[in-house]
Amino acid sequence: MVERSLRVNQGRHGDELNKRMDVMVDLRKATNHPLLLRHHYTDHTLHCMVRTILKEPSHRDAVPNLVWEDMSVMLDFELHNLCTL
């Protein structure tokens, strides 16, 4: 989690204190709300989910790469809700 936050903040402009505070906020979020991150749904699982969703009548004409792109930024909680639908 720390490595991910540092990697995301590496290209940002700003002082080191703000970057470290961002890491602390991410760690607090992970502790208090673990479903607000994505740990349970791997990329492989998402690919399987995309194939399944594309079989649904509402998504038959969808572009697979766009569905993947939309789902790849979703959090575990959002993906879980999508699965229940």
C-alpha atoms as a PDB file:
ATOM      1  CA  MET A   1       0.000   0.000   0.000  1.00  0.00           C
ATOM      2  CA  VAL A   2       2.814   2.390   0.890  1.00  0.00           C
ATOM      3  CA  GLU A   3       4.728   1.535  -2.284  1.00  0.00           C
ATOM      4  CA  ARG A   4       1.615   2.120  -4.392  1.00  0.00           C
ATOM      5  CA  SER A   5       0.933   5.500  -2.791  1.00  0.00           C
ATOM      6  CA  LEU A   6       4.534   6.598  -3.172  1.00  0.00           C
ATOM      7  CA  ARG A   7       4.540   5.499  -6.806  1.00  0.00           C
ATOM      8  CA  VAL A   8       1.331   7.450  -7.524  1.00  0.00           C
ATOM      9  CA  ASN A   9       2.652  10.558  -5.782  1.00  0.00           C
ATOM     10  CA  GLN A  10       6.099  10.373  -7.365  1.00  0.00           C
ATOM     11  CA  GLY A  11       5.176  12.371 -10.468  1.00  0.00           C
ATOM     12  CA  ARG A  12       3.130  14.945  -8.570  1.00  0.00           C
ATOM     13  CA  HIS A  13       4.462  18.355  -7.770  1.00  0.00           C
ATOM     14  CA  GLY A  14       4.395  19.400  -4.150  1.00  0.00           C
ATOM     15  CA  ASP A  15       6.354  19.139  -0.998  1.00  0.00           C
ATOM     16  CA  GLU A  16       7.319  15.871   0.652  1.00  0.00           C
ATOM     17  CA  LEU A  17       5.082  16.496   3.670  1.00  0.00           C
ATOM     18  CA  ASN A  18       1.952  16.526   1.485  1.00  0.00           C
ATOM     19  CA  LYS A  19       3.044  13.372  -0.308  1.00  0.00           C
ATOM     20  CA  ARG A  20       3.614  11.600   3.010  1.00  0.00           C
ATOM     21  CA  MET A  21       0.252  12.786   4.298  1.00  0.00           C
ATOM     22  CA  ASP A  22      -1.369  11.299   1.187  1.00  0.00           C
ATOM     23  CA  VAL A  23       0.238   7.974   2.080  1.00  0.00           C
ATOM     24  CA  MET A  24      -1.122   8.223   5.617  1.00  0.00           C
ATOM     25  CA  VAL A  25      -4.620   8.997   4.314  1.00  0.00           C
ATOM     26  CA  ASP A  26      -4.438   5.961   2.011  1.00  0.00           C
ATOM     27  CA  LEU A  27      -3.342   3.758   4.915  1.00  0.00           C
ATOM     28  CA  ARG A  28      -6.151   5.056   7.110  1.00  0.00           C
ATOM     29  CA  LYS A  29      -8.646   4.441   4.312  1.00  0.00           C
ATOM     30  CA  ALA A  30      -7.339   0.885   3.888  1.00  0.00           C
ATOM     31  CA  THR A  31      -7.738   0.239   7.603  1.00  0.00           C
ATOM     32  CA  ASN A  32     -11.178   1.761   8.070  1.00  0.00           C
ATOM     33  CA  HIS A  33     -12.749   0.898   4.720  1.00  0.00           C
ATOM     34  CA  PRO A  34     -10.940  -2.024   3.054  1.00  0.00           C
ATOM     35  CA  LEU A  35     -13.610  -2.370   0.361  1.00  0.00           C
ATOM     36  CA  LEU A  36     -12.720   1.110  -0.877  1.00  0.00           C
ATOM     37  CA  LEU A  37      -9.601  -0.429  -2.389  1.00  0.00           C
ATOM     38  CA  ARG A  38      -9.207  -3.214  -4.909  1.00  0.00           C
ATOM     39  CA  HIS A  39      -7.657  -6.352  -3.464  1.00  0.00           C
ATOM     40  CA  HIS A  40     -10.246  -9.098  -3.937  1.00  0.00           C
ATOM     41  CA  TYR A  41     -10.855  -8.681  -7.654  1.00  0.00           C
ATOM     42  CA  THR A  42      -7.729  -9.430  -9.674  1.00  0.00           C
ATOM     43  CA  ASP A  43      -7.184  -8.480 -13.304  1.00  0.00           C
ATOM     44  CA  HIS A  44      -7.867 -12.096 -14.283  1.00  0.00           C
ATOM     45  CA  THR A  45     -11.196 -11.999 -12.428  1.00  0.00           C
ATOM     46  CA  LEU A  46     -12.082  -8.733 -14.146  1.00  0.00           C
ATOM     47  CA  HIS A  47     -11.393 -10.249 -17.571  1.00  0.00           C
ATOM     48  CA  CYS A  48     -13.764 -13.110 -16.721  1.00  0.00           C
ATOM     49  CA  MET A  49     -16.365 -10.635 -15.513  1.00  0.00           C
ATOM     50  CA  VAL A  50     -16.059  -8.600 -18.727  1.00  0.00           C
ATOM     51  CA  ARG A  51     -16.651 -11.710 -20.840  1.00  0.00           C
ATOM     52  CA  THR A  52     -19.730 -12.526 -18.761  1.00  0.00           C
ATOM     53  CA  ILE A  53     -21.105  -8.994 -18.905  1.00  0.00           C
ATOM     54  CA  LEU A  54     -20.709  -8.892 -22.688  1.00  0.00           C
ATOM     55  CA  LYS A  55     -23.108 -11.857 -22.913  1.00  0.00           C
ATOM     56  CA  GLU A  56     -25.867  -9.823 -21.256  1.00  0.00           C
ATOM     57  CA  PRO A  57     -28.445  -8.285 -23.632  1.00  0.00           C
ATOM     58  CA  SER A  58     -27.765  -4.819 -22.247  1.00  0.00           C
ATOM     59  CA  HIS A  59     -24.046  -5.006 -23.102  1.00  0.00           C
ATOM     60  CA  ARG A  60     -23.890  -7.152 -26.257  1.00  0.00           C
ATOM     61  CA  ASP A  61     -22.916  -4.188 -28.435  1.00  0.00           C
ATOM     62  CA  ALA A  62     -20.387  -2.810 -25.952  1.00  0.00           C
ATOM     63  CA  VAL A  63     -16.703  -2.542 -26.784  1.00  0.00           C
ATOM     64  CA  PRO A  64     -14.798  -5.028 -24.579  1.00  0.00           C
ATOM     65  CA  ASN A  65     -11.832  -2.702 -24.034  1.00  0.00           C
ATOM     66  CA  LEU A  66     -14.104   0.097 -22.830  1.00  0.00           C
ATOM     67  CA  VAL A  67     -15.931  -2.218 -20.436  1.00  0.00           C
ATOM     68  CA  TRP A  68     -12.561  -3.400 -19.102  1.00  0.00           C
ATOM     69  CA  GLU A  69     -11.370   0.187 -18.729  1.00  0.00           C
ATOM     70  CA  ASP A  70     -14.493   1.163 -16.784  1.00  0.00           C
ATOM     71  CA  MET A  71     -14.236  -1.841 -14.492  1.00  0.00           C
ATOM     72  CA  SER A  72     -10.491  -1.540 -13.903  1.00  0.00           C
ATOM     73  CA  VAL A  73     -10.952   1.699 -11.969  1.00  0.00           C
ATOM     74  CA  MET A  74     -13.776   0.334  -9.823  1.00  0.00           C
ATOM     75  CA  LEU A  75     -13.228  -0.496  -6.176  1.00  0.00           C
ATOM     76  CA  ASP A  76     -13.979  -3.870  -4.574  1.00  0.00           C
ATOM     77  CA  PHE A  77     -17.270  -2.559  -3.220  1.00  0.00           C
ATOM     78  CA  GLU A  78     -18.377  -1.281  -6.627  1.00  0.00           C
ATOM     79  CA  LEU A  79     -17.387  -4.519  -8.327  1.00  0.00           C
ATOM     80  CA  HIS A  80     -19.245  -6.524  -5.709  1.00  0.00           C
ATOM     81  CA  ASN A  81     -22.383  -4.451  -6.317  1.00  0.00           C
ATOM     82  CA  LEU A  82     -21.965  -5.004 -10.047  1.00  0.00           C
ATOM     83  CA  CYS A  83     -21.748  -8.750  -9.474  1.00  0.00           C
ATOM     84  CA  THR A  84     -24.980  -8.771  -7.490  1.00  0.00           C
ATOM     85  CA  LEU A  85     -26.772  -7.165 -10.428  1.00  0.00           C
END
